[in-house]
């Protein structure tokens, strides 16, 4: 049974300022996230991601946190959360992110030159968030070993690819006629 695929096919679609997106426990926290779905996703990430010599997992707040926490617990790799709040700590790096429906500043702490990082996120839609994070990590001098997003929306632009990065994904989907359509149930990479 492929819980991720089945749960996406059942996901409702909502529109926000002309942007269509699915409502899913991985990307939105509603409806409730069942442990068997999270477990399946974490196992798939661990099998797909390049983890050798990775010393930090980097994820954006908020919806990457639960996935990355579970991966951190299973791999013993420390977790860094890119936050929307500035703390003013030594070494904090600001980045701008522009998604399909918002623009904001985010802040990276506890990543240093020479760190080897795995970037994890819930959804790759326009690539705006991940492009901002990869740019900040480059500025810091960290090595991006791999990038994994659970779900990729294939019906839009991909700023991450334009920036020279490819993300591995677990499943690729499009929204057609008000429904989620699975375009590749094995994802990319």
C-alpha atoms as a PDB file:
ATOM      1  CA  UNK A   1       0.000   0.000   0.000  1.00  0.00           C
ATOM      2  CA  UNK A   2       1.260   3.482  -0.885  1.00  0.00           C
ATOM      3  CA  UNK A   3      -0.190   5.709   1.827  1.00  0.00           C
ATOM      4  CA  UNK A   4       1.377   8.889   0.440  1.00  0.00           C
ATOM      5  CA  UNK A   5      -0.110   8.378  -3.013  1.00  0.00           C
ATOM      6  CA  UNK A   6      -3.539   7.454  -1.660  1.00  0.00           C
ATOM      7  CA  UNK A   7      -3.599  10.378   0.768  1.00  0.00           C
ATOM      8  CA  UNK A   8      -2.735  12.840  -2.009  1.00  0.00           C
ATOM      9  CA  UNK A   9      -5.465  11.519  -4.283  1.00  0.00           C
ATOM     10  CA  UNK A  10      -7.941  12.179  -1.457  1.00  0.00           C
ATOM     11  CA  UNK A  11      -6.600  15.685  -0.682  1.00  0.00           C
ATOM     12  CA  UNK A  12      -8.957  18.637  -1.086  1.00  0.00           C
ATOM     13  CA  UNK A  13      -7.854  21.579  -3.273  1.00  0.00           C
ATOM     14  CA  UNK A  14      -8.130  25.186  -2.080  1.00  0.00           C
ATOM     15  CA  UNK A  15      -7.381  28.473  -3.812  1.00  0.00           C
ATOM     16  CA  UNK A  16      -5.536  31.365  -2.212  1.00  0.00           C
ATOM     17  CA  UNK A  17      -5.075  34.518  -4.286  1.00  0.00           C
ATOM     18  CA  UNK A  18      -5.199  32.586  -7.557  1.00  0.00           C
ATOM     19  CA  UNK A  19      -2.802  29.888  -6.353  1.00  0.00           C
ATOM     20  CA  UNK A  20      -4.210  26.342  -6.154  1.00  0.00           C
ATOM     21  CA  UNK A  21      -2.815  23.951  -3.608  1.00  0.00           C
ATOM     22  CA  UNK A  22      -3.792  20.723  -1.945  1.00  0.00           C
ATOM     23  CA  UNK A  23      -4.504  20.417   1.772  1.00  0.00           C
ATOM     24  CA  UNK A  24      -2.503  17.514   3.143  1.00  0.00           C
ATOM     25  CA  UNK A  25      -1.115  16.456   6.544  1.00  0.00           C
ATOM     26  CA  UNK A  26       2.473  16.653   5.245  1.00  0.00           C
ATOM     27  CA  UNK A  27       2.160  20.124   3.748  1.00  0.00           C
ATOM     28  CA  UNK A  28      -0.433  21.701   6.038  1.00  0.00           C
ATOM     29  CA  UNK A  29      -0.768  19.658   9.215  1.00  0.00           C
ATOM     30  CA  UNK A  30      -4.436  18.988   8.449  1.00  0.00           C
ATOM     31  CA  UNK A  31      -6.124  16.641   8.368  1.00  0.00           C
ATOM     32  CA  UNK A  32      -4.262  14.881  11.163  1.00  0.00           C
ATOM     33  CA  UNK A  33      -0.991  13.182  10.329  1.00  0.00           C
ATOM     34  CA  UNK A  34      -1.171   9.469  10.941  1.00  0.00           C
ATOM     35  CA  UNK A  35       2.032   7.815  12.195  1.00  0.00           C
ATOM     36  CA  UNK A  36       1.959   5.141   9.503  1.00  0.00           C
ATOM     37  CA  UNK A  37       2.022   7.838   6.780  1.00  0.00           C
ATOM     38  CA  UNK A  38       4.918   9.687   8.436  1.00  0.00           C
ATOM     39  CA  UNK A  39       6.793   6.406   8.947  1.00  0.00           C
ATOM     40  CA  UNK A  40       6.385   5.476   5.265  1.00  0.00           C
ATOM     41  CA  UNK A  41       7.665   8.899   4.180  1.00  0.00           C
ATOM     42  CA  UNK A  42      10.679   8.812   6.504  1.00  0.00           C
ATOM     43  CA  UNK A  43      11.703   5.353   5.291  1.00  0.00           C
ATOM     44  CA  UNK A  44      11.439   6.530   1.677  1.00  0.00           C
ATOM     45  CA  UNK A  45      13.527   9.640   2.424  1.00  0.00           C
ATOM     46  CA  UNK A  46      16.244   7.619   4.150  1.00  0.00           C
ATOM     47  CA  UNK A  47      16.378   5.219   1.189  1.00  0.00           C
ATOM     48  CA  UNK A  48      16.488   8.024  -1.400  1.00  0.00           C
ATOM     49  CA  UNK A  49      18.686  10.684   0.223  1.00  0.00           C
ATOM     50  CA  UNK A  50      22.463  10.792   0.035  1.00  0.00           C
ATOM     51  CA  UNK A  51      23.277  10.676   3.772  1.00  0.00           C
ATOM     52  CA  UNK A  52      26.942   9.678   3.770  1.00  0.00           C
ATOM     53  CA  UNK A  53      29.010  12.246   5.677  1.00  0.00           C
ATOM     54  CA  UNK A  54      26.011  14.569   6.151  1.00  0.00           C
ATOM     55  CA  UNK A  55      26.439  16.337   9.473  1.00  0.00           C
ATOM     56  CA  UNK A  56      23.247  18.466   9.496  1.00  0.00           C
ATOM     57  CA  UNK A  57      19.707  18.319   8.212  1.00  0.00           C
ATOM     58  CA  UNK A  58      18.409  21.758   7.224  1.00  0.00           C
ATOM     59  CA  UNK A  59      14.672  22.384   6.895  1.00  0.00           C
ATOM     60  CA  UNK A  60      12.442  25.447   6.608  1.00  0.00           C
ATOM     61  CA  UNK A  61       9.841  26.244   9.251  1.00  0.00           C
ATOM     62  CA  UNK A  62       7.140  25.169   9.617  1.00  0.00           C
ATOM     63  CA  UNK A  63       6.037  22.149   7.621  1.00  0.00           C
ATOM     64  CA  UNK A  64       9.476  20.638   7.104  1.00  0.00           C
ATOM     65  CA  UNK A  65       9.971  20.301  10.855  1.00  0.00           C
ATOM     66  CA  UNK A  66       7.952  17.151  11.527  1.00  0.00           C
ATOM     67  CA  UNK A  67       9.460  15.278   8.581  1.00  0.00           C
ATOM     68  CA  UNK A  68      13.008  16.367   9.382  1.00  0.00           C
ATOM     69  CA  UNK A  69      12.630  15.632  13.079  1.00  0.00           C
ATOM     70  CA  UNK A  70      11.598  12.071  12.277  1.00  0.00           C
ATOM     71  CA  UNK A  71      14.519  11.658   9.846  1.00  0.00           C
ATOM     72  CA  UNK A  72      16.900  13.120  12.456  1.00  0.00           C
ATOM     73  CA  UNK A  73      15.674  10.649  15.063  1.00  0.00           C
ATOM     74  CA  UNK A  74      16.188   7.713  12.695  1.00  0.00           C
ATOM     75  CA  UNK A  75      19.639   8.791  11.438  1.00  0.00           C
ATOM     76  CA  UNK A  76      21.138  10.604  14.452  1.00  0.00           C
ATOM     77  CA  UNK A  77      21.901  13.595  12.202  1.00  0.00           C
ATOM     78  CA  UNK A  78      21.322  16.942  14.005  1.00  0.00           C
ATOM     79  CA  UNK A  79      18.527  19.196  12.749  1.00  0.00           C
ATOM     80  CA  UNK A  80      18.692  22.913  11.899  1.00  0.00           C
ATOM     81  CA  UNK A  81      15.387  24.738  11.359  1.00  0.00           C
ATOM     82  CA  UNK A  82      15.433  27.809   9.108  1.00  0.00           C
ATOM     83  CA  UNK A  83      13.182  30.235  10.974  1.00  0.00           C
ATOM     84  CA  UNK A  84      11.014  33.197   9.996  1.00  0.00           C
ATOM     85  CA  UNK A  85      12.064  34.957  13.194  1.00  0.00           C
ATOM     86  CA  UNK A  86      15.355  36.784  13.574  1.00  0.00           C
ATOM     87  CA  UNK A  87      17.203  35.972  16.785  1.00  0.00           C
ATOM     88  CA  UNK A  88      20.366  37.997  16.211  1.00  0.00           C
ATOM     89  CA  UNK A  89      22.697  35.150  17.190  1.00  0.00           C
ATOM     90  CA  UNK A  90      26.316  35.109  16.045  1.00  0.00           C
ATOM     91  CA  UNK A  91      26.580  33.757  12.519  1.00  0.00           C
ATOM     92  CA  UNK A  92      22.875  34.196  11.713  1.00  0.00           C
ATOM     93  CA  UNK A  93      22.309  34.564   7.955  1.00  0.00           C
ATOM     94  CA  UNK A  94      19.197  36.183   6.480  1.00  0.00           C
ATOM     95  CA  UNK A  95      17.588  34.981   3.265  1.00  0.00           C
ATOM     96  CA  UNK A  96      14.597  36.032   1.194  1.00  0.00           C
ATOM     97  CA  UNK A  97      12.057  33.505   0.051  1.00  0.00           C
ATOM     98  CA  UNK A  98       9.334  33.969  -2.534  1.00  0.00           C
ATOM     99  CA  UNK A  99       6.784  31.188  -2.890  1.00  0.00           C
ATOM    100  CA  UNK A 100       3.722  30.920  -5.102  1.00  0.00           C
ATOM    101  CA  UNK A 101       1.700  32.811  -2.521  1.00  0.00           C
ATOM    102  CA  UNK A 102       4.006  34.828  -0.232  1.00  0.00           C
ATOM    103  CA  UNK A 103       7.335  36.565   0.255  1.00  0.00           C
ATOM    104  CA  UNK A 104       9.241  36.726   3.531  1.00  0.00           C
ATOM    105  CA  UNK A 105      12.594  36.786   5.250  1.00  0.00           C
ATOM    106  CA  UNK A 106      14.006  33.673   6.901  1.00  0.00           C
ATOM    107  CA  UNK A 107      17.084  33.154   9.060  1.00  0.00           C
ATOM    108  CA  UNK A 108      19.682  30.369   9.238  1.00  0.00           C
ATOM    109  CA  UNK A 109      21.546  29.664  12.475  1.00  0.00           C
ATOM    110  CA  UNK A 110      24.037  26.914  13.387  1.00  0.00           C
ATOM    111  CA  UNK A 111      25.260  26.155   9.866  1.00  0.00           C
ATOM    112  CA  UNK A 112      28.918  26.891   9.202  1.00  0.00           C
ATOM    113  CA  UNK A 113      31.483  26.808   6.436  1.00  0.00           C
ATOM    114  CA  UNK A 114      32.388  23.214   5.659  1.00  0.00           C
ATOM    115  CA  UNK A 115      29.171  21.690   7.013  1.00  0.00           C
ATOM    116  CA  UNK A 116      27.746  18.956   4.779  1.00  0.00           C
ATOM    117  CA  UNK A 117      23.980  19.316   4.743  1.00  0.00           C
ATOM    118  CA  UNK A 118      20.866  17.520   3.600  1.00  0.00           C
ATOM    119  CA  UNK A 119      18.069  19.976   2.825  1.00  0.00           C
ATOM    120  CA  UNK A 120      14.590  18.522   3.476  1.00  0.00           C
ATOM    121  CA  UNK A 121      11.195  20.061   2.763  1.00  0.00           C
ATOM    122  CA  UNK A 122       7.585  19.000   2.475  1.00  0.00           C
ATOM    123  CA  UNK A 123       6.638  20.353  -0.968  1.00  0.00           C
ATOM    124  CA  UNK A 124       8.585  21.653  -3.941  1.00  0.00           C
ATOM    125  CA  UNK A 125       6.161  23.926  -5.733  1.00  0.00           C
ATOM    126  CA  UNK A 126       7.773  27.032  -7.239  1.00  0.00           C
ATOM    127  CA  UNK A 127      11.134  26.311  -5.621  1.00  0.00           C
ATOM    128  CA  UNK A 128      11.250  29.751  -4.015  1.00  0.00           C
ATOM    129  CA  UNK A 129      11.863  28.585  -0.453  1.00  0.00           C
ATOM    130  CA  UNK A 130      14.512  26.029  -1.382  1.00  0.00           C
ATOM    131  CA  UNK A 131      16.244  28.512  -3.708  1.00  0.00           C
ATOM    132  CA  UNK A 132      16.518  31.003  -0.855  1.00  0.00           C
ATOM    133  CA  UNK A 133      17.874  28.334   1.489  1.00  0.00           C
ATOM    134  CA  UNK A 134      20.431  26.991  -1.009  1.00  0.00           C
ATOM    135  CA  UNK A 135      21.622  30.544  -1.683  1.00  0.00           C
ATOM    136  CA  UNK A 136      22.111  31.186   2.036  1.00  0.00           C
ATOM    137  CA  UNK A 137      23.927  27.866   2.484  1.00  0.00           C
ATOM    138  CA  UNK A 138      26.240  28.741  -0.420  1.00  0.00           C
ATOM    139  CA  UNK A 139      26.919  32.130   1.182  1.00  0.00           C
ATOM    140  CA  UNK A 140      27.831  30.405   4.441  1.00  0.00           C
ATOM    141  CA  UNK A 141      30.127  27.967   2.634  1.00  0.00           C
ATOM    142  CA  UNK A 142      28.217  24.812   3.528  1.00  0.00           C
ATOM    143  CA  UNK A 143      28.204  21.914   1.086  1.00  0.00           C
ATOM    144  CA  UNK A 144      24.743  20.876  -0.054  1.00  0.00           C
ATOM    145  CA  UNK A 145      25.043  17.091  -0.284  1.00  0.00           C
ATOM    146  CA  UNK A 146      21.429  16.460  -1.267  1.00  0.00           C
ATOM    147  CA  UNK A 147      18.001  18.078  -1.434  1.00  0.00           C
ATOM    148  CA  UNK A 148      14.825  16.056  -0.855  1.00  0.00           C
ATOM    149  CA  UNK A 149      11.216  17.224  -0.965  1.00  0.00           C
ATOM    150  CA  UNK A 150       8.422  14.787  -0.195  1.00  0.00           C
ATOM    151  CA  UNK A 151       6.034  16.093  -2.870  1.00  0.00           C
ATOM    152  CA  UNK A 152       6.730  17.987  -6.089  1.00  0.00           C
ATOM    153  CA  UNK A 153       4.065  20.003  -7.861  1.00  0.00           C
ATOM    154  CA  UNK A 154       4.848  19.683 -11.566  1.00  0.00           C
ATOM    155  CA  UNK A 155       2.412  22.255 -12.913  1.00  0.00           C
ATOM    156  CA  UNK A 156       4.457  25.393 -12.252  1.00  0.00           C
ATOM    157  CA  UNK A 157       7.828  27.057 -12.460  1.00  0.00           C
ATOM    158  CA  UNK A 158      10.855  25.610 -10.685  1.00  0.00           C
ATOM    159  CA  UNK A 159      13.208  28.320  -9.410  1.00  0.00           C
ATOM    160  CA  UNK A 160      15.378  25.673  -7.758  1.00  0.00           C
ATOM    161  CA  UNK A 161      16.269  24.098 -11.117  1.00  0.00           C
ATOM    162  CA  UNK A 162      16.881  27.579 -12.528  1.00  0.00           C
ATOM    163  CA  UNK A 163      19.384  28.091  -9.659  1.00  0.00           C
ATOM    164  CA  UNK A 164      21.237  24.919 -10.694  1.00  0.00           C
ATOM    165  CA  UNK A 165      19.893  22.480  -8.110  1.00  0.00           C
ATOM    166  CA  UNK A 166      17.800  19.370  -8.466  1.00  0.00           C
ATOM    167  CA  UNK A 167      15.691  18.002  -5.646  1.00  0.00           C
ATOM    168  CA  UNK A 168      14.883  14.360  -5.195  1.00  0.00           C
ATOM    169  CA  UNK A 169      11.196  13.804  -4.549  1.00  0.00           C
ATOM    170  CA  UNK A 170       9.056  10.906  -3.389  1.00  0.00           C
ATOM    171  CA  UNK A 171       6.045  11.669  -5.581  1.00  0.00           C
ATOM    172  CA  UNK A 172       5.200  14.235  -8.256  1.00  0.00           C
ATOM    173  CA  UNK A 173       1.719  15.661  -8.671  1.00  0.00           C
ATOM    174  CA  UNK A 174      -0.235  18.251 -10.611  1.00  0.00           C
ATOM    175  CA  UNK A 175      -3.564  19.865  -9.926  1.00  0.00           C
ATOM    176  CA  UNK A 176      -5.938  19.349 -12.825  1.00  0.00           C
ATOM    177  CA  UNK A 177      -9.638  20.061 -12.844  1.00  0.00           C
ATOM    178  CA  UNK A 178      -9.676  20.667  -9.106  1.00  0.00           C
ATOM    179  CA  UNK A 179      -8.059  17.325  -8.252  1.00  0.00           C
ATOM    180  CA  UNK A 180      -4.611  16.008  -7.460  1.00  0.00           C
ATOM    181  CA  UNK A 181      -3.205  13.934 -10.312  1.00  0.00           C
ATOM    182  CA  UNK A 182      -0.119  11.797  -9.694  1.00  0.00           C
ATOM    183  CA  UNK A 183       2.318  12.418 -12.567  1.00  0.00           C
ATOM    184  CA  UNK A 184       5.087  10.169 -11.192  1.00  0.00           C
ATOM    185  CA  UNK A 185       4.595   7.961  -8.142  1.00  0.00           C
ATOM    186  CA  UNK A 186       8.355   7.390  -7.779  1.00  0.00           C
ATOM    187  CA  UNK A 187       9.317  11.066  -7.757  1.00  0.00           C
ATOM    188  CA  UNK A 188      12.569  12.422  -9.133  1.00  0.00           C
ATOM    189  CA  UNK A 189      16.047  11.140  -8.474  1.00  0.00           C
END
